[in-house]
Amino acid sequence: MSFTPGPVKPSAQTLDPQSFGIAVPETRPARQPGRALVTGASTGIGWETVKRLCASGWDVLATARRAERLAALAYETGCAAFAADLTIPEHVQALYEWATAEGQVVDAVVNNAGGARGTDTVIEAKLDRWKTMYSINVLSSLQVTQAFLPHMLAHGGGDIVFVTSTAGHETYPGGAGYTAAKHAEAMLPETLRLELVGKPIRIIEIMPGLVQTPEFSLSRLEDREQAAGVYAGVDYPLVGADIAQAIEWTLSLPAHVNIDQLKIKPVEQATSTIKVRLGKPSE
């Protein structure tokens, strides 16, 4: 069949999907805000996620190690806060008991706690740094998930978000320790989707690229000048609020919609090592 190309004029005629013999269900409503736990809430993406969810009507529980930061966040946003070190099983258990006291239900968990330490080459790797990165990125997310997943299943379902990194899906020189930890963390949502298929739990992985947050690079490099250099010449890196907006969006979608993986990078970034600096691509 041939036709003549050209502009199309509006018509009052409508298409009924039923005419094709296909029943199309009605779209389900957006997920209503519930009660969410955000880890790593004392800075950066975690802090901004608490702010965003509170502003969107969620009842937010915030946790991190630094109580003074949490107190400021609670004052600013109205969230409830609990200081804990999520690498310690007893702290995770105490957090769970606090969050679910008196029959309260947690509908969403945002596993955001993590971080990088150093830029050691493989041959010069410092074992204590690698252990720390594995503990704060992988084991903390594992323990929080183990605590809250049975609770969610017992109360009709919920959402578990893992904030990993583009580093969990690539590597670069001097980054093996961090990328190894993030690759391992990324296997938690990958495996959970297989283990939970058919159950009312959404497993969401958010993979940020270059995000300029107050302390991530400083914690990694332990030098303010070097930390500032990570973002030097990049006009518009991502900020914590960009990732928080994406997290809130994934949680707000209708319950049958799961954003398995969402990779977010600034336009000026191609990979972890290839970025535009001062108008010129560089490594």
C-alpha atoms as a PDB file:
ATOM      1  CA  MET A   1       0.000   0.000   0.000  1.00  0.00           C
ATOM      2  CA  SER A   2       1.283   3.448  -0.899  1.00  0.00           C
ATOM      3  CA  PHE A   3       0.276   6.845   0.404  1.00  0.00           C
ATOM      4  CA  THR A   4       1.147  10.444  -0.199  1.00  0.00           C
ATOM      5  CA  PRO A   5       3.055  12.120   2.635  1.00  0.00           C
ATOM      6  CA  GLY A   6       1.713  15.390   3.963  1.00  0.00           C
ATOM      7  CA  PRO A   7       0.285  17.274   6.951  1.00  0.00           C
ATOM      8  CA  VAL A   8      -2.672  15.786   8.807  1.00  0.00           C
ATOM      9  CA  LYS A   9      -5.693  17.813   9.838  1.00  0.00           C
ATOM     10  CA  PRO A  10      -7.436  17.314  13.198  1.00  0.00           C
ATOM     11  CA  SER A  11     -10.464  15.004  13.150  1.00  0.00           C
ATOM     12  CA  ALA A  12     -13.201  14.266  15.668  1.00  0.00           C
ATOM     13  CA  GLN A  13     -12.817  10.548  14.945  1.00  0.00           C
ATOM     14  CA  THR A  14     -11.439   8.590  17.876  1.00  0.00           C
ATOM     15  CA  LEU A  15      -9.697   5.251  18.053  1.00  0.00           C
ATOM     16  CA  ASP A  16     -11.167   2.651  20.340  1.00  0.00           C
ATOM     17  CA  PRO A  17      -8.534   0.068  21.390  1.00  0.00           C
ATOM     18  CA  GLN A  18     -11.354  -2.456  21.715  1.00  0.00           C
ATOM     19  CA  SER A  19     -11.775  -2.294  17.935  1.00  0.00           C
ATOM     20  CA  PHE A  20      -8.465  -4.111  17.623  1.00  0.00           C
ATOM     21  CA  GLY A  21      -9.728  -6.922  19.832  1.00  0.00           C
ATOM     22  CA  ILE A  22      -7.334  -5.895  22.618  1.00  0.00           C
ATOM     23  CA  ALA A  23      -8.589  -5.052  26.088  1.00  0.00           C
ATOM     24  CA  VAL A  24      -6.530  -2.201  27.530  1.00  0.00           C
ATOM     25  CA  PRO A  25      -6.877  -1.778  31.306  1.00  0.00           C
ATOM     26  CA  GLU A  26      -7.388   1.604  32.872  1.00  0.00           C
ATOM     27  CA  THR A  27      -4.265   3.211  34.257  1.00  0.00           C
ATOM     28  CA  ARG A  28      -3.902   2.876  38.007  1.00  0.00           C
ATOM     29  CA  PRO A  29      -3.648   5.963  40.200  1.00  0.00           C
ATOM     30  CA  ALA A  30      -0.360   7.377  41.414  1.00  0.00           C
ATOM     31  CA  ARG A  31       1.025   5.932  44.617  1.00  0.00           C
ATOM     32  CA  GLN A  32       0.042   8.100  47.561  1.00  0.00           C
ATOM     33  CA  PRO A  33       2.737   9.262  49.995  1.00  0.00           C
ATOM     34  CA  GLY A  34       3.197   6.986  52.957  1.00  0.00           C
ATOM     35  CA  ARG A  35       5.945   6.464  55.495  1.00  0.00           C
ATOM     36  CA  ALA A  36       9.545   6.305  54.278  1.00  0.00           C
ATOM     37  CA  LEU A  37      12.915   5.593  55.868  1.00  0.00           C
ATOM     38  CA  VAL A  38      15.945   7.353  54.357  1.00  0.00           C
ATOM     39  CA  THR A  39      19.458   6.239  55.331  1.00  0.00           C
ATOM     40  CA  GLY A  40      22.587   8.352  55.033  1.00  0.00           C
ATOM     41  CA  ALA A  41      20.367  11.364  55.691  1.00  0.00           C
ATOM     42  CA  SER A  42      22.899  13.676  57.333  1.00  0.00           C
ATOM     43  CA  THR A  43      24.309  15.066  54.074  1.00  0.00           C
ATOM     44  CA  GLY A  44      24.080  15.202  50.290  1.00  0.00           C
ATOM     45  CA  ILE A  45      21.560  13.035  48.477  1.00  0.00           C
ATOM     46  CA  GLY A  46      20.084  11.663  51.701  1.00  0.00           C
ATOM     47  CA  TRP A  47      19.504  15.116  53.158  1.00  0.00           C
ATOM     48  CA  GLU A  48      17.853  16.345  49.953  1.00  0.00           C
ATOM     49  CA  THR A  49      15.727  13.211  49.682  1.00  0.00           C
ATOM     50  CA  VAL A  50      14.334  13.773  53.157  1.00  0.00           C
ATOM     51  CA  LYS A  51      13.498  17.368  52.228  1.00  0.00           C
ATOM     52  CA  ARG A  52      11.865  16.345  48.952  1.00  0.00           C
ATOM     53  CA  LEU A  53       9.766  13.561  50.430  1.00  0.00           C
ATOM     54  CA  CYS A  54       8.635  15.702  53.353  1.00  0.00           C
ATOM     55  CA  ALA A  55       7.586  18.442  50.934  1.00  0.00           C
ATOM     56  CA  SER A  56       5.658  15.844  48.898  1.00  0.00           C
ATOM     57  CA  GLY A  57       3.591  14.725  51.874  1.00  0.00           C
ATOM     58  CA  TRP A  58       5.568  11.701  53.035  1.00  0.00           C
ATOM     59  CA  ASP A  59       6.021  10.908  56.698  1.00  0.00           C
ATOM     60  CA  VAL A  60       9.815  10.592  56.718  1.00  0.00           C
ATOM     61  CA  LEU A  61      12.152   8.794  59.086  1.00  0.00           C
ATOM     62  CA  ALA A  62      15.778   9.882  58.707  1.00  0.00           C
ATOM     63  CA  THR A  63      18.819   7.999  59.942  1.00  0.00           C
ATOM     64  CA  ALA A  64      22.585   8.546  59.924  1.00  0.00           C
ATOM     65  CA  ARG A  65      25.428   8.457  62.433  1.00  0.00           C
ATOM     66  CA  ARG A  66      25.687  12.187  63.156  1.00  0.00           C
ATOM     67  CA  ALA A  67      22.988  13.111  65.634  1.00  0.00           C
ATOM     68  CA  GLU A  68      23.655  16.857  65.437  1.00  0.00           C
ATOM     69  CA  ARG A  69      23.068  16.827  61.666  1.00  0.00           C
ATOM     70  CA  LEU A  70      19.886  14.838  62.079  1.00  0.00           C
ATOM     71  CA  ALA A  71      18.649  17.292  64.697  1.00  0.00           C
ATOM     72  CA  ALA A  72      19.110  20.154  62.229  1.00  0.00           C
ATOM     73  CA  LEU A  73      17.365  18.189  59.480  1.00  0.00           C
ATOM     74  CA  ALA A  74      14.448  17.356  61.764  1.00  0.00           C
ATOM     75  CA  TYR A  75      14.112  21.030  62.691  1.00  0.00           C
ATOM     76  CA  GLU A  76      14.171  22.100  59.029  1.00  0.00           C
ATOM     77  CA  THR A  77      11.814  19.482  57.611  1.00  0.00           C
ATOM     78  CA  GLY A  78       9.717  18.044  60.442  1.00  0.00           C
ATOM     79  CA  CYS A  79      11.030  14.526  59.828  1.00  0.00           C
ATOM     80  CA  ALA A  80      11.595  12.075  62.669  1.00  0.00           C
ATOM     81  CA  ALA A  81      15.242  11.128  63.177  1.00  0.00           C
ATOM     82  CA  PHE A  82      17.200   8.252  64.687  1.00  0.00           C
ATOM     83  CA  ALA A  83      21.001   8.178  65.023  1.00  0.00           C
ATOM     84  CA  ALA A  84      22.546   4.814  64.156  1.00  0.00           C
ATOM     85  CA  ASP A  85      25.595   3.192  62.595  1.00  0.00           C
ATOM     86  CA  LEU A  86      24.066   0.836  60.038  1.00  0.00           C
ATOM     87  CA  THR A  87      27.166  -1.331  59.860  1.00  0.00           C
ATOM     88  CA  ILE A  88      26.363  -2.522  63.409  1.00  0.00           C
ATOM     89  CA  PRO A  89      23.568  -5.135  63.564  1.00  0.00           C
ATOM     90  CA  GLU A  90      22.380  -3.983  66.992  1.00  0.00           C
ATOM     91  CA  HIS A  91      21.935  -0.429  65.696  1.00  0.00           C
ATOM     92  CA  VAL A  92      19.901  -1.674  62.730  1.00  0.00           C
ATOM     93  CA  GLN A  93      17.684  -3.687  65.060  1.00  0.00           C
ATOM     94  CA  ALA A  94      17.180  -0.666  67.308  1.00  0.00           C
ATOM     95  CA  LEU A  95      16.281   1.437  64.239  1.00  0.00           C
ATOM     96  CA  TYR A  96      13.751  -1.160  63.118  1.00  0.00           C
ATOM     97  CA  GLU A  97      12.117  -1.373  66.546  1.00  0.00           C
ATOM     98  CA  TRP A  98      11.875   2.419  66.729  1.00  0.00           C
ATOM     99  CA  ALA A  99      10.447   2.752  63.208  1.00  0.00           C
ATOM    100  CA  THR A 100       7.800   0.070  63.726  1.00  0.00           C
ATOM    101  CA  ALA A 101       6.881   0.808  67.333  1.00  0.00           C
ATOM    102  CA  GLU A 102       3.189   0.718  68.238  1.00  0.00           C
ATOM    103  CA  GLY A 103       2.269  -0.966  64.984  1.00  0.00           C
ATOM    104  CA  GLN A 104       3.598   1.754  62.686  1.00  0.00           C
ATOM    105  CA  VAL A 105       4.204   0.654  59.094  1.00  0.00           C
ATOM    106  CA  VAL A 106       7.131   1.612  56.877  1.00  0.00           C
ATOM    107  CA  ASP A 107       6.083   1.737  53.216  1.00  0.00           C
ATOM    108  CA  ALA A 108       9.392   2.644  51.581  1.00  0.00           C
ATOM    109  CA  VAL A 109      13.086   2.318  52.391  1.00  0.00           C
ATOM    110  CA  VAL A 110      15.719   4.417  50.609  1.00  0.00           C
ATOM    111  CA  ASN A 111      19.104   2.711  51.034  1.00  0.00           C
ATOM    112  CA  ASN A 112      21.303   5.729  50.446  1.00  0.00           C
ATOM    113  CA  ALA A 113      24.086   5.349  53.032  1.00  0.00           C
ATOM    114  CA  GLY A 114      27.529   4.754  51.526  1.00  0.00           C
ATOM    115  CA  GLY A 115      30.697   6.448  50.368  1.00  0.00           C
ATOM    116  CA  ALA A 116      34.197   6.110  48.937  1.00  0.00           C
ATOM    117  CA  ARG A 117      37.607   6.004  50.585  1.00  0.00           C
ATOM    118  CA  GLY A 118      40.799   6.791  48.690  1.00  0.00           C
ATOM    119  CA  THR A 119      41.890   6.305  45.090  1.00  0.00           C
ATOM    120  CA  ASP A 120      44.310   3.412  45.588  1.00  0.00           C
ATOM    121  CA  THR A 121      45.467   1.371  42.630  1.00  0.00           C
ATOM    122  CA  VAL A 122      44.848  -2.351  42.951  1.00  0.00           C
ATOM    123  CA  ILE A 123      48.494  -3.107  43.655  1.00  0.00           C
ATOM    124  CA  GLU A 124      48.615  -0.415  46.370  1.00  0.00           C
ATOM    125  CA  ALA A 125      45.168  -1.108  47.810  1.00  0.00           C
ATOM    126  CA  LYS A 126      44.796  -0.486  51.528  1.00  0.00           C
ATOM    127  CA  LEU A 127      42.724  -3.323  52.920  1.00  0.00           C
ATOM    128  CA  ASP A 128      41.128  -1.251  55.679  1.00  0.00           C
ATOM    129  CA  ARG A 129      39.734   1.192  53.107  1.00  0.00           C
ATOM    130  CA  TRP A 130      38.265  -1.616  51.025  1.00  0.00           C
ATOM    131  CA  LYS A 131      36.693  -3.199  54.106  1.00  0.00           C
ATOM    132  CA  THR A 132      35.183   0.146  55.111  1.00  0.00           C
ATOM    133  CA  MET A 133      33.710   0.720  51.647  1.00  0.00           C
ATOM    134  CA  TYR A 134      32.250  -2.779  51.522  1.00  0.00           C
ATOM    135  CA  SER A 135      30.783  -2.353  54.976  1.00  0.00           C
ATOM    136  CA  ILE A 136      29.179   1.080  54.456  1.00  0.00           C
ATOM    137  CA  ASN A 137      27.924   0.460  50.927  1.00  0.00           C
ATOM    138  CA  VAL A 138      26.970  -3.227  50.855  1.00  0.00           C
ATOM    139  CA  LEU A 139      26.511  -4.592  54.357  1.00  0.00           C
ATOM    140  CA  SER A 140      24.580  -1.588  55.660  1.00  0.00           C
ATOM    141  CA  SER A 141      22.089  -1.831  52.768  1.00  0.00           C
ATOM    142  CA  LEU A 142      21.872  -5.592  53.247  1.00  0.00           C
ATOM    143  CA  GLN A 143      21.128  -5.329  56.964  1.00  0.00           C
ATOM    144  CA  VAL A 144      18.521  -2.586  56.567  1.00  0.00           C
ATOM    145  CA  THR A 145      16.813  -4.566  53.806  1.00  0.00           C
ATOM    146  CA  GLN A 146      16.829  -7.740  55.906  1.00  0.00           C
ATOM    147  CA  ALA A 147      15.234  -5.824  58.769  1.00  0.00           C
ATOM    148  CA  PHE A 148      12.450  -4.103  56.834  1.00  0.00           C
ATOM    149  CA  LEU A 149      11.599  -6.430  53.929  1.00  0.00           C
ATOM    150  CA  PRO A 150       9.717  -9.030  56.047  1.00  0.00           C
ATOM    151  CA  HIS A 151       7.832  -6.148  57.677  1.00  0.00           C
ATOM    152  CA  MET A 152       6.775  -4.821  54.254  1.00  0.00           C
ATOM    153  CA  LEU A 153       5.679  -8.236  53.052  1.00  0.00           C
ATOM    154  CA  ALA A 154       3.597  -8.675  56.188  1.00  0.00           C
ATOM    155  CA  HIS A 155       1.857  -5.333  55.597  1.00  0.00           C
ATOM    156  CA  GLY A 156       0.905  -5.588  51.943  1.00  0.00           C
ATOM    157  CA  GLY A 157       4.116  -4.574  50.192  1.00  0.00           C
ATOM    158  CA  GLY A 158       6.224  -1.490  49.625  1.00  0.00           C
ATOM    159  CA  ASP A 159       9.247  -0.029  47.865  1.00  0.00           C
ATOM    160  CA  ILE A 160      12.970  -0.504  48.438  1.00  0.00           C
ATOM    161  CA  VAL A 161      15.281   1.975  46.711  1.00  0.00           C
ATOM    162  CA  PHE A 162      19.021   1.415  46.378  1.00  0.00           C
ATOM    163  CA  VAL A 163      21.067   4.509  45.610  1.00  0.00           C
ATOM    164  CA  THR A 164      24.148   2.952  44.031  1.00  0.00           C
ATOM    165  CA  SER A 165      26.289   4.747  41.436  1.00  0.00           C
ATOM    166  CA  THR A 166      27.373   4.659  37.818  1.00  0.00           C
ATOM    167  CA  ALA A 167      30.532   3.270  39.474  1.00  0.00           C
ATOM    168  CA  GLY A 168      28.519   0.118  40.111  1.00  0.00           C
ATOM    169  CA  HIS A 169      28.345  -0.494  36.370  1.00  0.00           C
ATOM    170  CA  GLU A 170      31.811   0.590  35.140  1.00  0.00           C
ATOM    171  CA  THR A 171      35.303   1.102  36.524  1.00  0.00           C
ATOM    172  CA  TYR A 172      38.260   3.465  36.245  1.00  0.00           C
ATOM    173  CA  PRO A 173      41.929   3.647  37.329  1.00  0.00           C
ATOM    174  CA  GLY A 174      42.236   4.166  41.064  1.00  0.00           C
ATOM    175  CA  GLY A 175      38.625   3.234  41.636  1.00  0.00           C
ATOM    176  CA  ALA A 176      38.629  -0.537  42.036  1.00  0.00           C
ATOM    177  CA  GLY A 177      37.802  -0.450  45.748  1.00  0.00           C
ATOM    178  CA  TYR A 178      34.790   1.822  45.342  1.00  0.00           C
ATOM    179  CA  THR A 179      33.572   0.279  42.094  1.00  0.00           C
ATOM    180  CA  ALA A 180      33.918  -3.216  43.580  1.00  0.00           C
ATOM    181  CA  ALA A 181      31.748  -2.184  46.523  1.00  0.00           C
ATOM    182  CA  LYS A 182      29.173  -0.510  44.286  1.00  0.00           C
ATOM    183  CA  HIS A 183      29.091  -3.478  41.907  1.00  0.00           C
ATOM    184  CA  ALA A 184      28.415  -5.693  44.929  1.00  0.00           C
ATOM    185  CA  GLU A 185      25.705  -3.348  46.202  1.00  0.00           C
ATOM    186  CA  ALA A 186      24.076  -3.320  42.749  1.00  0.00           C
ATOM    187  CA  MET A 187      23.704  -7.085  42.972  1.00  0.00           C
ATOM    188  CA  LEU A 188      21.284  -6.671  45.885  1.00  0.00           C
ATOM    189  CA  PRO A 189      18.490  -5.114  43.783  1.00  0.00           C
ATOM    190  CA  GLU A 190      19.355  -7.329  40.794  1.00  0.00           C
ATOM    191  CA  THR A 191      18.938 -10.469  42.906  1.00  0.00           C
ATOM    192  CA  LEU A 192      15.978  -9.249  44.947  1.00  0.00           C
ATOM    193  CA  ARG A 193      13.935  -8.728  41.769  1.00  0.00           C
ATOM    194  CA  LEU A 194      14.429 -12.407  40.956  1.00  0.00           C
ATOM    195  CA  GLU A 195      13.694 -13.573  44.478  1.00  0.00           C
ATOM    196  CA  LEU A 196      10.603 -11.374  44.933  1.00  0.00           C
ATOM    197  CA  VAL A 197       8.947 -11.643  41.517  1.00  0.00           C
ATOM    198  CA  GLY A 198       5.201 -11.905  41.994  1.00  0.00           C
ATOM    199  CA  LYS A 199       5.281 -10.221  45.388  1.00  0.00           C
ATOM    200  CA  PRO A 200       4.080  -6.612  45.939  1.00  0.00           C
ATOM    201  CA  ILE A 201       7.554  -5.143  46.437  1.00  0.00           C
ATOM    202  CA  ARG A 202       9.120  -2.668  44.022  1.00  0.00           C
ATOM    203  CA  ILE A 203      12.918  -2.823  43.838  1.00  0.00           C
ATOM    204  CA  ILE A 204      14.417   0.371  42.424  1.00  0.00           C
ATOM    205  CA  GLU A 205      18.048   1.173  41.687  1.00  0.00           C
ATOM    206  CA  ILE A 206      19.112   4.801  41.231  1.00  0.00           C
ATOM    207  CA  MET A 207      22.593   5.223  39.694  1.00  0.00           C
ATOM    208  CA  PRO A 208      23.916   8.786  40.041  1.00  0.00           C
ATOM    209  CA  GLY A 209      26.940   9.973  38.096  1.00  0.00           C
ATOM    210  CA  LEU A 210      28.865  13.133  38.985  1.00  0.00           C
ATOM    211  CA  VAL A 211      26.983  14.695  41.900  1.00  0.00           C
ATOM    212  CA  GLN A 212      28.470  17.680  43.689  1.00  0.00           C
ATOM    213  CA  THR A 213      27.630  17.079  47.323  1.00  0.00           C
ATOM    214  CA  PRO A 214      29.335  18.775  50.282  1.00  0.00           C
ATOM    215  CA  GLU A 215      31.274  15.840  51.638  1.00  0.00           C
ATOM    216  CA  PHE A 216      31.516  12.854  49.277  1.00  0.00           C
ATOM    217  CA  SER A 217      34.801  13.798  47.604  1.00  0.00           C
ATOM    218  CA  LEU A 218      36.233  15.255  50.807  1.00  0.00           C
ATOM    219  CA  SER A 219      35.627  11.976  52.645  1.00  0.00           C
ATOM    220  CA  ARG A 220      37.255  10.123  49.795  1.00  0.00           C
ATOM    221  CA  LEU A 221      40.300  12.330  49.210  1.00  0.00           C
ATOM    222  CA  GLU A 222      40.737  13.900  52.683  1.00  0.00           C
ATOM    223  CA  ASP A 223      41.990  17.111  51.054  1.00  0.00           C
ATOM    224  CA  ARG A 224      39.772  20.120  50.330  1.00  0.00           C
ATOM    225  CA  GLU A 225      41.724  21.281  47.281  1.00  0.00           C
ATOM    226  CA  GLN A 226      41.701  17.822  45.703  1.00  0.00           C
ATOM    227  CA  ALA A 227      38.026  17.418  46.535  1.00  0.00           C
ATOM    228  CA  ALA A 228      37.182  20.715  44.824  1.00  0.00           C
ATOM    229  CA  GLY A 229      39.217  19.600  41.811  1.00  0.00           C
ATOM    230  CA  VAL A 230      36.825  16.728  41.137  1.00  0.00           C
ATOM    231  CA  TYR A 231      34.246  19.258  39.932  1.00  0.00           C
ATOM    232  CA  ALA A 232      36.610  21.928  38.548  1.00  0.00           C
ATOM    233  CA  GLY A 233      35.646  23.057  35.062  1.00  0.00           C
ATOM    234  CA  VAL A 234      32.333  21.194  35.013  1.00  0.00           C
ATOM    235  CA  ASP A 235      29.730  23.921  34.649  1.00  0.00           C
ATOM    236  CA  TYR A 236      26.708  21.924  35.761  1.00  0.00           C
ATOM    237  CA  PRO A 237      27.317  18.771  37.777  1.00  0.00           C
ATOM    238  CA  LEU A 238      24.318  17.153  39.356  1.00  0.00           C
ATOM    239  CA  VAL A 239      23.356  18.160  42.894  1.00  0.00           C
ATOM    240  CA  GLY A 240      21.654  16.173  45.604  1.00  0.00           C
ATOM    241  CA  ALA A 241      18.273  17.722  44.838  1.00  0.00           C
ATOM    242  CA  ASP A 242      18.380  16.302  41.290  1.00  0.00           C
ATOM    243  CA  ILE A 243      18.676  12.762  42.611  1.00  0.00           C
ATOM    244  CA  ALA A 244      16.071  13.397  45.312  1.00  0.00           C
ATOM    245  CA  GLN A 245      13.592  14.487  42.656  1.00  0.00           C
ATOM    246  CA  ALA A 246      14.181  11.249  40.749  1.00  0.00           C
ATOM    247  CA  ILE A 247      13.721   9.155  43.894  1.00  0.00           C
ATOM    248  CA  GLU A 248      10.449  10.891  44.727  1.00  0.00           C
ATOM    249  CA  TRP A 249       9.236  10.335  41.152  1.00  0.00           C
ATOM    250  CA  THR A 250       9.938   6.590  41.215  1.00  0.00           C
ATOM    251  CA  LEU A 251       8.056   6.263  44.505  1.00  0.00           C
ATOM    252  CA  SER A 252       5.069   8.240  43.225  1.00  0.00           C
ATOM    253  CA  LEU A 253       4.365   6.095  40.155  1.00  0.00           C
ATOM    254  CA  PRO A 254       1.372   3.723  40.132  1.00  0.00           C
ATOM    255  CA  ALA A 255       2.002   0.576  42.123  1.00  0.00           C
ATOM    256  CA  HIS A 256       2.326  -1.659  39.045  1.00  0.00           C
ATOM    257  CA  VAL A 257       5.128   0.500  37.561  1.00  0.00           C
ATOM    258  CA  ASN A 258       8.673  -0.395  38.646  1.00  0.00           C
ATOM    259  CA  ILE A 259      11.692   1.652  37.600  1.00  0.00           C
ATOM    260  CA  ASP A 260      14.244  -1.148  37.738  1.00  0.00           C
ATOM    261  CA  GLN A 261      17.262   1.049  37.028  1.00  0.00           C
ATOM    262  CA  LEU A 262      17.643   4.774  36.528  1.00  0.00           C
ATOM    263  CA  LYS A 263      21.065   6.095  35.526  1.00  0.00           C
ATOM    264  CA  ILE A 264      21.441   9.857  35.997  1.00  0.00           C
ATOM    265  CA  LYS A 265      24.422  11.865  34.762  1.00  0.00           C
ATOM    266  CA  PRO A 266      25.004  15.525  33.969  1.00  0.00           C
ATOM    267  CA  VAL A 267      25.023  16.339  30.256  1.00  0.00           C
ATOM    268  CA  GLU A 268      28.732  17.134  30.545  1.00  0.00           C
ATOM    269  CA  GLN A 269      29.604  13.604  31.675  1.00  0.00           C
ATOM    270  CA  ALA A 270      30.001  10.566  29.432  1.00  0.00           C
ATOM    271  CA  THR A 271      31.680   8.127  31.857  1.00  0.00           C
ATOM    272  CA  SER A 272      33.254   8.312  35.294  1.00  0.00           C
ATOM    273  CA  THR A 273      36.471   9.596  33.734  1.00  0.00           C
ATOM    274  CA  ILE A 274      35.320  11.373  30.549  1.00  0.00           C
ATOM    275  CA  LYS A 275      33.808  14.782  31.217  1.00  0.00           C
ATOM    276  CA  VAL A 276      33.731  18.196  29.615  1.00  0.00           C
ATOM    277  CA  ARG A 277      35.996  20.620  31.419  1.00  0.00           C
ATOM    278  CA  LEU A 278      36.150  24.264  30.406  1.00  0.00           C
ATOM    279  CA  GLY A 279      34.465  23.425  27.127  1.00  0.00           C
ATOM    280  CA  LYS A 280      36.906  20.644  26.150  1.00  0.00           C
ATOM    281  CA  PRO A 281      36.418  16.886  26.570  1.00  0.00           C
ATOM    282  CA  SER A 282      39.067  15.496  28.871  1.00  0.00           C
ATOM    283  CA  GLU A 283      39.907  12.502  30.987  1.00  0.00           C
END
